[in-house]
PDB file of N, CA and C in Angstrom:
ATOM      1  N   ALA A   1     120.343 102.012  54.346  1.00  0.00           N
ATOM      2  CA  ALA A   1     119.676 101.637  52.434  1.00  0.00           C
ATOM      3  C   ALA A   1     119.561 102.733  52.244  1.00  0.00           C
ATOM      4  N   SER A   2     120.314 103.546  51.641  1.00  0.00           N
ATOM      5  CA  SER A   2     120.492 104.871  50.835  1.00  0.00           C
ATOM      6  C   SER A   2     120.758 104.372  49.377  1.00  0.00           C
ATOM      7  N   THR A   3     120.726 105.479  48.775  1.00  0.00           N
ATOM      8  CA  THR A   3     121.232 105.526  46.999  1.00  0.00           C
ATOM      9  C   THR A   3     122.845 105.811  46.931  1.00  0.00           C
ATOM     10  N   SER A   4     122.843 105.562  45.978  1.00  0.00           N
ATOM     11  CA  SER A   4     124.782 106.242  45.939  1.00  0.00           C
ATOM     12  C   SER A   4     124.881 107.308  46.013  1.00  0.00           C
ATOM     13  N   ASP A   5     124.172 108.198  46.237  1.00  0.00           N
ATOM     14  CA  ASP A   5     124.145 109.613  46.256  1.00  0.00           C
ATOM     15  C   ASP A   5     123.661 110.240  47.743  1.00  0.00           C
ATOM     16  N   GLY A   6     123.458 108.856  48.864  1.00  0.00           N
ATOM     17  CA  GLY A   6     123.487 109.528  50.391  1.00  0.00           C
ATOM     18  C   GLY A   6     121.961 109.843  50.353  1.00  0.00           C
ATOM     19  N   ARG A   7     121.221 109.522  49.559  1.00  0.00           N
ATOM     20  CA  ARG A   7     120.213 110.421  50.416  1.00  0.00           C
ATOM     21  C   ARG A   7     119.216 108.188  50.497  1.00  0.00           C
ATOM     22  N   PRO A   8     118.061 108.429  51.680  1.00  0.00           N
ATOM     23  CA  PRO A   8     117.693 107.403  51.827  1.00  0.00           C
ATOM     24  C   PRO A   8     116.663 106.896  50.721  1.00  0.00           C
ATOM     25  N   THR A   9     116.864 105.284  51.051  1.00  0.00           N
ATOM     26  CA  THR A   9     115.592 104.988  49.856  1.00  0.00           C
ATOM     27  C   THR A   9     114.220 104.811  49.690  1.00  0.00           C
ATOM     28  N   VAL A  10     112.872 105.314  49.023  1.00  0.00           N
ATOM     29  CA  VAL A  10     112.175 105.524  49.297  1.00  0.00           C
ATOM     30  C   VAL A  10     111.190 104.175  50.621  1.00  0.00           C
ATOM     31  N   ASN A  11     111.584 102.337  51.008  1.00  0.00           N
ATOM     32  CA  ASN A  11     110.912 101.959  52.130  1.00  0.00           C
ATOM     33  C   ASN A  11     112.118 101.724  52.956  1.00  0.00           C
ATOM     34  N   ALA A  12     113.044 102.865  53.037  1.00  0.00           N
ATOM     35  CA  ALA A  12     113.507 103.148  54.482  1.00  0.00           C
ATOM     36  C   ALA A  12     112.991 104.477  55.616  1.00  0.00           C
ATOM     37  N   MET A  13     112.556 105.129  54.305  1.00  0.00           N
ATOM     38  CA  MET A  13     111.673 106.522  54.579  1.00  0.00           C
ATOM     39  C   MET A  13     110.298 106.085  54.768  1.00  0.00           C
ATOM     40  N   LEU A  14     109.334 104.831  54.781  1.00  0.00           N
ATOM     41  CA  LEU A  14     108.440 104.263  54.266  1.00  0.00           C
ATOM     42  C   LEU A  14     108.727 103.859  55.526  1.00  0.00           C
ATOM     43  N   VAL A  15     109.313 102.931  55.788  1.00  0.00           N
ATOM     44  CA  VAL A  15     109.599 102.314  57.245  1.00  0.00           C
ATOM     45  C   VAL A  15     109.833 103.078  58.517  1.00  0.00           C
ATOM     46  N   LYS A  16     110.623 104.215  58.457  1.00  0.00           N
ATOM     47  CA  LYS A  16     110.642 105.024  59.300  1.00  0.00           C
ATOM     48  C   LYS A  16     108.919 105.314  60.003  1.00  0.00           C
ATOM     49  N   ARG A  17     108.623 106.433  58.537  1.00  0.00           N
ATOM     50  CA  ARG A  17     107.384 106.395  58.435  1.00  0.00           C
ATOM     51  C   ARG A  17     106.195 105.909  59.062  1.00  0.00           C
ATOM     52  N   ASN A  18     106.054 104.358  59.320  1.00  0.00           N
ATOM     53  CA  ASN A  18     105.538 103.386  59.630  1.00  0.00           C
ATOM     54  C   ASN A  18     105.706 103.553  61.159  1.00  0.00           C
ATOM     55  N   ALA A  19     107.289 103.268  61.319  1.00  0.00           N
ATOM     56  CA  ALA A  19     107.835 103.363  62.494  1.00  0.00           C
ATOM     57  C   ALA A  19     106.535 104.613  63.673  1.00  0.00           C
ATOM     58  N   GLU A  20     106.219 106.306  62.690  1.00  0.00           N
ATOM     59  CA  GLU A  20     105.764 107.042  63.474  1.00  0.00           C
ATOM     60  C   GLU A  20     104.642 107.664  63.877  1.00  0.00           C
ATOM     61  N   LEU A  21     103.828 106.714  62.491  1.00  0.00           N
ATOM     62  CA  LEU A  21     102.557 106.405  62.389  1.00  0.00           C
ATOM     63  C   LEU A  21     102.097 105.287  63.845  1.00  0.00           C
ATOM     64  N   SER A  22     103.125 104.460  63.828  1.00  0.00           N
ATOM     65  CA  SER A  22     103.172 102.904  64.700  1.00  0.00           C
ATOM     66  C   SER A  22     102.331 103.877  66.200  1.00  0.00           C
ATOM     67  N   GLU A  23     103.334 104.633  66.586  1.00  0.00           N
ATOM     68  CA  GLU A  23     104.041 105.418  68.035  1.00  0.00           C
ATOM     69  C   GLU A  23     102.892 106.001  67.594  1.00  0.00           C
ATOM     70  N   GLU A  24     101.912 107.099  66.985  1.00  0.00           N
ATOM     71  CA  GLU A  24     100.987 107.677  67.049  1.00  0.00           C
ATOM     72  C   GLU A  24     100.381 107.202  67.129  1.00  0.00           C
ATOM     73  N   ASN A  25     100.111 106.310  66.801  1.00  0.00           N
ATOM     74  CA  ASN A  25      98.962 105.122  67.280  1.00  0.00           C
ATOM     75  C   ASN A  25      98.822 105.151  68.236  1.00  0.00           C
ATOM     76  N   ILE A  26      99.824 104.100  69.605  1.00  0.00           N
ATOM     77  CA  ILE A  26      99.412 103.991  70.440  1.00  0.00           C
ATOM     78  C   ILE A  26      99.494 104.893  71.363  1.00  0.00           C
ATOM     79  N   LYS A  27      99.576 106.041  70.893  1.00  0.00           N
ATOM     80  CA  LYS A  27      98.866 107.380  71.822  1.00  0.00           C
ATOM     81  C   LYS A  27      98.624 107.162  72.195  1.00  0.00           C
ATOM     82  N   LEU A  28      97.888 107.781  71.249  1.00  0.00           N
ATOM     83  CA  LEU A  28      95.842 108.102  70.771  1.00  0.00           C
ATOM     84  C   LEU A  28      95.113 107.206  71.495  1.00  0.00           C
ATOM     85  N   GLN A  29      95.331 105.391  70.856  1.00  0.00           N
ATOM     86  CA  GLN A  29      94.943 104.572  71.585  1.00  0.00           C
ATOM     87  C   GLN A  29      94.902 104.617  72.654  1.00  0.00           C
ATOM     88  N   LYS A  30      95.522 104.603  73.693  1.00  0.00           N
ATOM     89  CA  LYS A  30      96.451 105.217  74.457  1.00  0.00           C
ATOM     90  C   LYS A  30      95.529 106.118  75.630  1.00  0.00           C
ATOM     91  N   ASN A  31      95.527 107.571  74.825  1.00  0.00           N
ATOM     92  CA  ASN A  31      94.591 107.916  75.564  1.00  0.00           C
ATOM     93  C   ASN A  31      92.830 108.475  75.370  1.00  0.00           C
ATOM     94  N   ASP A  32      92.316 107.572  74.173  1.00  0.00           N
ATOM     95  CA  ASP A  32      91.081 106.587  74.263  1.00  0.00           C
ATOM     96  C   ASP A  32      90.748 106.142  75.649  1.00  0.00           C
ATOM     97  N   TYR A  33      91.523 105.119  75.591  1.00  0.00           N
ATOM     98  CA  TYR A  33      90.917 104.189  76.526  1.00  0.00           C
ATOM     99  C   TYR A  33      91.331 105.635  77.864  1.00  0.00           C
ATOM    100  N   GLU A  34      92.279 106.183  78.004  1.00  0.00           N
ATOM    101  CA  GLU A  34      92.228 106.926  79.986  1.00  0.00           C
ATOM    102  C   GLU A  34      91.428 108.170  79.609  1.00  0.00           C
ATOM    103  N   THR A  35      90.242 107.763  78.370  1.00  0.00           N
ATOM    104  CA  THR A  35      89.335 109.397  78.366  1.00  0.00           C
ATOM    105  C   THR A  35      88.159 108.204  78.799  1.00  0.00           C
ATOM    106  N   SER A  36      87.596 107.579  78.327  1.00  0.00           N
ATOM    107  CA  SER A  36      86.867 106.236  78.720  1.00  0.00           C
ATOM    108  C   SER A  36      86.671 106.223  79.473  1.00  0.00           C
ATOM    109  N   VAL A  37      88.217 105.464  80.360  1.00  0.00           N
ATOM    110  CA  VAL A  37      87.990 105.553  81.490  1.00  0.00           C
ATOM    111  C   VAL A  37      87.624 106.058  82.373  1.00  0.00           C
ATOM    112  N   SER A  38      88.352 107.548  82.245  1.00  0.00           N
ATOM    113  CA  SER A  38      87.749 109.038  82.920  1.00  0.00           C
ATOM    114  C   SER A  38      86.029 109.153  82.863  1.00  0.00           C
ATOM    115  N   ALA A  39      85.666 108.678  81.908  1.00  0.00           N
ATOM    116  CA  ALA A  39      84.268 109.059  81.359  1.00  0.00           C
ATOM    117  C   ALA A  39      83.497 108.229  82.956  1.00  0.00           C
ATOM    118  N   GLN A  40      83.929 106.548  82.295  1.00  0.00           N
ATOM    119  CA  GLN A  40      83.053 106.131  83.313  1.00  0.00           C
ATOM    120  C   GLN A  40      83.593 106.179  84.363  1.00  0.00           C
ATOM    121  N   GLU A  41      84.773 106.625  85.396  1.00  0.00           N
ATOM    122  CA  GLU A  41      84.254 107.749  86.534  1.00  0.00           C
ATOM    123  C   GLU A  41      83.563 108.538  86.771  1.00  0.00           C
ATOM    124  N   ASP A  42      83.247 109.074  85.692  1.00  0.00           N
ATOM    125  CA  ASP A  42      82.416 110.861  86.125  1.00  0.00           C
ATOM    126  C   ASP A  42      80.901 109.811  86.323  1.00  0.00           C
ATOM    127  N   LYS A  43      80.523 108.841  85.929  1.00  0.00           N
ATOM    128  CA  LYS A  43      79.722 108.706  85.507  1.00  0.00           C
ATOM    129  C   LYS A  43      79.284 107.792  86.713  1.00  0.00           C
ATOM    130  N   LEU A  44      80.019 106.912  87.086  1.00  0.00           N
ATOM    131  CA  LEU A  44      80.323 105.839  88.523  1.00  0.00           C
ATOM    132  C   LEU A  44      79.925 106.828  89.447  1.00  0.00           C
ATOM    133  N   THR A  45      81.016 108.194  90.048  1.00  0.00           N
ATOM    134  CA  THR A  45      80.548 108.955  90.886  1.00  0.00           C
ATOM    135  C   THR A  45      79.178 109.486  91.057  1.00  0.00           C
ATOM    136  N   ILE A  46      78.605 109.733  89.860  1.00  0.00           N
ATOM    137  CA  ILE A  46      77.175 110.330  89.545  1.00  0.00           C
ATOM    138  C   ILE A  46      76.442 109.598  90.530  1.00  0.00           C
ATOM    139  N   ILE A  47      76.816 108.495  90.165  1.00  0.00           N
ATOM    140  CA  ILE A  47      75.757 107.477  90.344  1.00  0.00           C
ATOM    141  C   ILE A  47      75.715 107.009  92.112  1.00  0.00           C
ATOM    142  N   ASP A  48      77.341 106.807  92.447  1.00  0.00           N
ATOM    143  CA  ASP A  48      77.392 107.107  93.569  1.00  0.00           C
ATOM    144  C   ASP A  48      75.810 108.125  94.477  1.00  0.00           C
ATOM    145  N   THR A  49      76.460 109.509  94.062  1.00  0.00           N
ATOM    146  CA  THR A  49      76.073 110.492  94.747  1.00  0.00           C
ATOM    147  C   THR A  49      74.577 109.916  94.694  1.00  0.00           C
ATOM    148  N   ARG A  50      74.108 109.762  93.824  1.00  0.00           N
ATOM    149  CA  ARG A  50      72.358 109.668  93.511  1.00  0.00           C
ATOM    150  C   ARG A  50      71.967 108.602  94.253  1.00  0.00           C
ATOM    151  N   LYS A  51      72.613 107.773  94.480  1.00  0.00           N
ATOM    152  CA  LYS A  51      72.155 106.632  95.693  1.00  0.00           C
ATOM    153  C   LYS A  51      72.636 106.997  97.009  1.00  0.00           C
ATOM    154  N   GLN A  52      73.662 107.953  97.267  1.00  0.00           N
ATOM    155  CA  GLN A  52      73.375 108.067  98.562  1.00  0.00           C
ATOM    156  C   GLN A  52      72.367 109.142  99.241  1.00  0.00           C
ATOM    157  N   GLU A  53      72.446 109.851  97.427  1.00  0.00           N
ATOM    158  CA  GLU A  53      71.092 110.853  98.277  1.00  0.00           C
ATOM    159  C   GLU A  53      69.907 109.915  98.576  1.00  0.00           C
ATOM    160  N   MET A  54      69.312 108.925  98.062  1.00  0.00           N
ATOM    161  CA  MET A  54      68.303 108.263  97.943  1.00  0.00           C
ATOM    162  C   MET A  54      67.594 107.001  99.346  1.00  0.00           C
ATOM    163  N   ASP A  55      69.495 107.615  99.189  1.00  0.00           N
ATOM    164  CA  ASP A  55      69.867 106.365 101.251  1.00  0.00           C
ATOM    165  C   ASP A  55      69.214 107.557 101.866  1.00  0.00           C
ATOM    166  N   ASN A  56      69.550 108.339 101.737  1.00  0.00           N
ATOM    167  CA  ASN A  56      69.342 109.451 102.629  1.00  0.00           C
ATOM    168  C   ASN A  56      67.489 110.125 103.251  1.00  0.00           C
ATOM    169  N   SER A  57      67.470 110.067 101.728  1.00  0.00           N
ATOM    170  CA  SER A  57      65.922 110.726 101.044  1.00  0.00           C
ATOM    171  C   SER A  57      65.033 109.390 102.056  1.00  0.00           C
ATOM    172  N   LEU A  58      65.794 107.928 101.798  1.00  0.00           N
ATOM    173  CA  LEU A  58      64.857 107.210 102.384  1.00  0.00           C
ATOM    174  C   LEU A  58      64.431 106.817 103.607  1.00  0.00           C
ATOM    175  N   GLU A  59      66.285 107.299 104.454  1.00  0.00           N
ATOM    176  CA  GLU A  59      65.652 107.946 106.330  1.00  0.00           C
ATOM    177  C   GLU A  59      64.643 108.559 106.868  1.00  0.00           C
ATOM    178  N   GLU A  60      64.822 109.881 105.685  1.00  0.00           N
ATOM    179  CA  GLU A  60      64.024 110.838 105.997  1.00  0.00           C
ATOM    180  C   GLU A  60      62.557 110.150 106.263  1.00  0.00           C
ATOM    181  N   MET A  61      62.553 109.108 105.315  1.00  0.00           N
ATOM    182  CA  MET A  61      60.379 108.787 104.993  1.00  0.00           C
ATOM    183  C   MET A  61      60.366 108.266 106.147  1.00  0.00           C
ATOM    184  N   LYS A  62      61.687 107.066 106.486  1.00  0.00           N
ATOM    185  CA  LYS A  62      61.396 105.998 107.652  1.00  0.00           C
ATOM    186  C   LYS A  62      61.323 107.042 108.854  1.00  0.00           C
ATOM    187  N   TYR A  63      61.587 108.086 109.243  1.00  0.00           N
ATOM    188  CA  TYR A  63      61.295 108.627 110.195  1.00  0.00           C
ATOM    189  C   TYR A  63      60.263 109.223 110.726  1.00  0.00           C
ATOM    190  N   GLU A  64      60.133 109.707 109.057  1.00  0.00           N
ATOM    191  CA  GLU A  64      58.826 110.115 109.851  1.00  0.00           C
ATOM    192  C   GLU A  64      57.259 109.494 109.345  1.00  0.00           C
ATOM    193  N   LEU A  65      57.701 107.907 108.946  1.00  0.00           N
ATOM    194  CA  LEU A  65      56.205 107.200 109.253  1.00  0.00           C
ATOM    195  C   LEU A  65      56.508 106.487 110.386  1.00  0.00           C
ATOM    196  N   GLU A  66      57.986 106.453 111.346  1.00  0.00           N
ATOM    197  CA  GLU A  66      58.105 105.854 112.228  1.00  0.00           C
ATOM    198  C   GLU A  66      57.108 107.241 113.258  1.00  0.00           C
ATOM    199  N   LYS A  67      57.115 108.436 113.323  1.00  0.00           N
ATOM    200  CA  LYS A  67      56.791 109.323 114.507  1.00  0.00           C
ATOM    201  C   LYS A  67      55.598 109.854 113.779  1.00  0.00           C
ATOM    202  N   ALA A  68      54.552 109.279 112.270  1.00  0.00           N
ATOM    203  CA  ALA A  68      53.172 108.963 112.380  1.00  0.00           C
ATOM    204  C   ALA A  68      52.214 108.169 113.081  1.00  0.00           C
ATOM    205  N   MET A  69      53.232 107.213 112.732  1.00  0.00           N
ATOM    206  CA  MET A  69      52.995 105.814 113.293  1.00  0.00           C
ATOM    207  C   MET A  69      53.007 105.946 114.692  1.00  0.00           C
ATOM    208  N   ARG A  70      53.843 106.605 116.210  1.00  0.00           N
ATOM    209  CA  ARG A  70      53.990 106.815 117.320  1.00  0.00           C
ATOM    210  C   ARG A  70      52.534 107.516 117.834  1.00  0.00           C
ATOM    211  N   ARG A  71      52.303 109.033 116.630  1.00  0.00           N
ATOM    212  CA  ARG A  71      51.474 110.232 116.582  1.00  0.00           C
ATOM    213  C   ARG A  71      50.085 109.341 116.350  1.00  0.00           C
ATOM    214  N   GLU A  72      49.937 108.472 115.376  1.00  0.00           N
ATOM    215  CA  GLU A  72      48.814 107.613 115.814  1.00  0.00           C
ATOM    216  C   GLU A  72      48.748 106.560 116.785  1.00  0.00           C
ATOM    217  N   CYS A  73      49.479 105.680 117.080  1.00  0.00           N
ATOM    218  CA  CYS A  73      49.510 105.128 118.761  1.00  0.00           C
ATOM    219  C   CYS A  73      49.240 106.170 120.104  1.00  0.00           C
ATOM    220  N   LYS A  74      49.594 107.600 119.581  1.00  0.00           N
ATOM    221  CA  LYS A  74      49.069 108.499 121.250  1.00  0.00           C
ATOM    222  C   LYS A  74      47.576 108.910 120.770  1.00  0.00           C
ATOM    223  N   LEU A  75      47.258 109.350 120.245  1.00  0.00           N
ATOM    224  CA  LEU A  75      45.561 109.490 119.317  1.00  0.00           C
ATOM    225  C   LEU A  75      44.843 108.074 119.684  1.00  0.00           C
ATOM    226  N   ASP A  76      45.147 107.227 118.954  1.00  0.00           N
ATOM    227  CA  ASP A  76      44.472 105.471 119.757  1.00  0.00           C
ATOM    228  C   ASP A  76      44.111 105.117 120.931  1.00  0.00           C
ATOM    229  N   PHE A  77      45.515 105.727 121.417  1.00  0.00           N
ATOM    230  CA  PHE A  77      45.441 105.686 123.427  1.00  0.00           C
ATOM    231  C   PHE A  77      43.875 106.268 123.841  1.00  0.00           C
ATOM    232  N   ARG A  78      44.744 107.944 123.332  1.00  0.00           N
ATOM    233  CA  ARG A  78      43.627 108.759 123.705  1.00  0.00           C
ATOM    234  C   ARG A  78      41.851 108.828 123.827  1.00  0.00           C
ATOM    235  N   LEU A  79      41.763 107.869 121.796  1.00  0.00           N
ATOM    236  CA  LEU A  79      40.450 107.644 121.808  1.00  0.00           C
ATOM    237  C   LEU A  79      39.713 106.806 122.916  1.00  0.00           C
ATOM    238  N   ALA A  80      41.204 105.679 123.155  1.00  0.00           N
ATOM    239  CA  ALA A  80      40.075 104.470 124.121  1.00  0.00           C
ATOM    240  C   ALA A  80      40.092 104.751 125.476  1.00  0.00           C
ATOM    241  N   GLU A  81      40.817 105.899 126.336  1.00  0.00           N
ATOM    242  CA  GLU A  81      40.791 106.570 126.967  1.00  0.00           C
ATOM    243  C   GLU A  81      38.583 106.619 127.874  1.00  0.00           C
TER     244      GLU A  81
END
């Protein structure tokens, strides 16, 4: 689709530009999606790390509680003698 002097018509130029913009739009959407997924993965990693820290803290507290309870039992036994 060109004019008699060999220049492309406005319609042909618009079709070409539309195809270029569509391709650029697809690239941007893909990049946006990948960025969003990456951000969600980062959040998940942070949450998972925090959960592990809390699990460790809970285990430490359980150990300290058991230790205190054993100490209390020993003291109760001594007082009973």
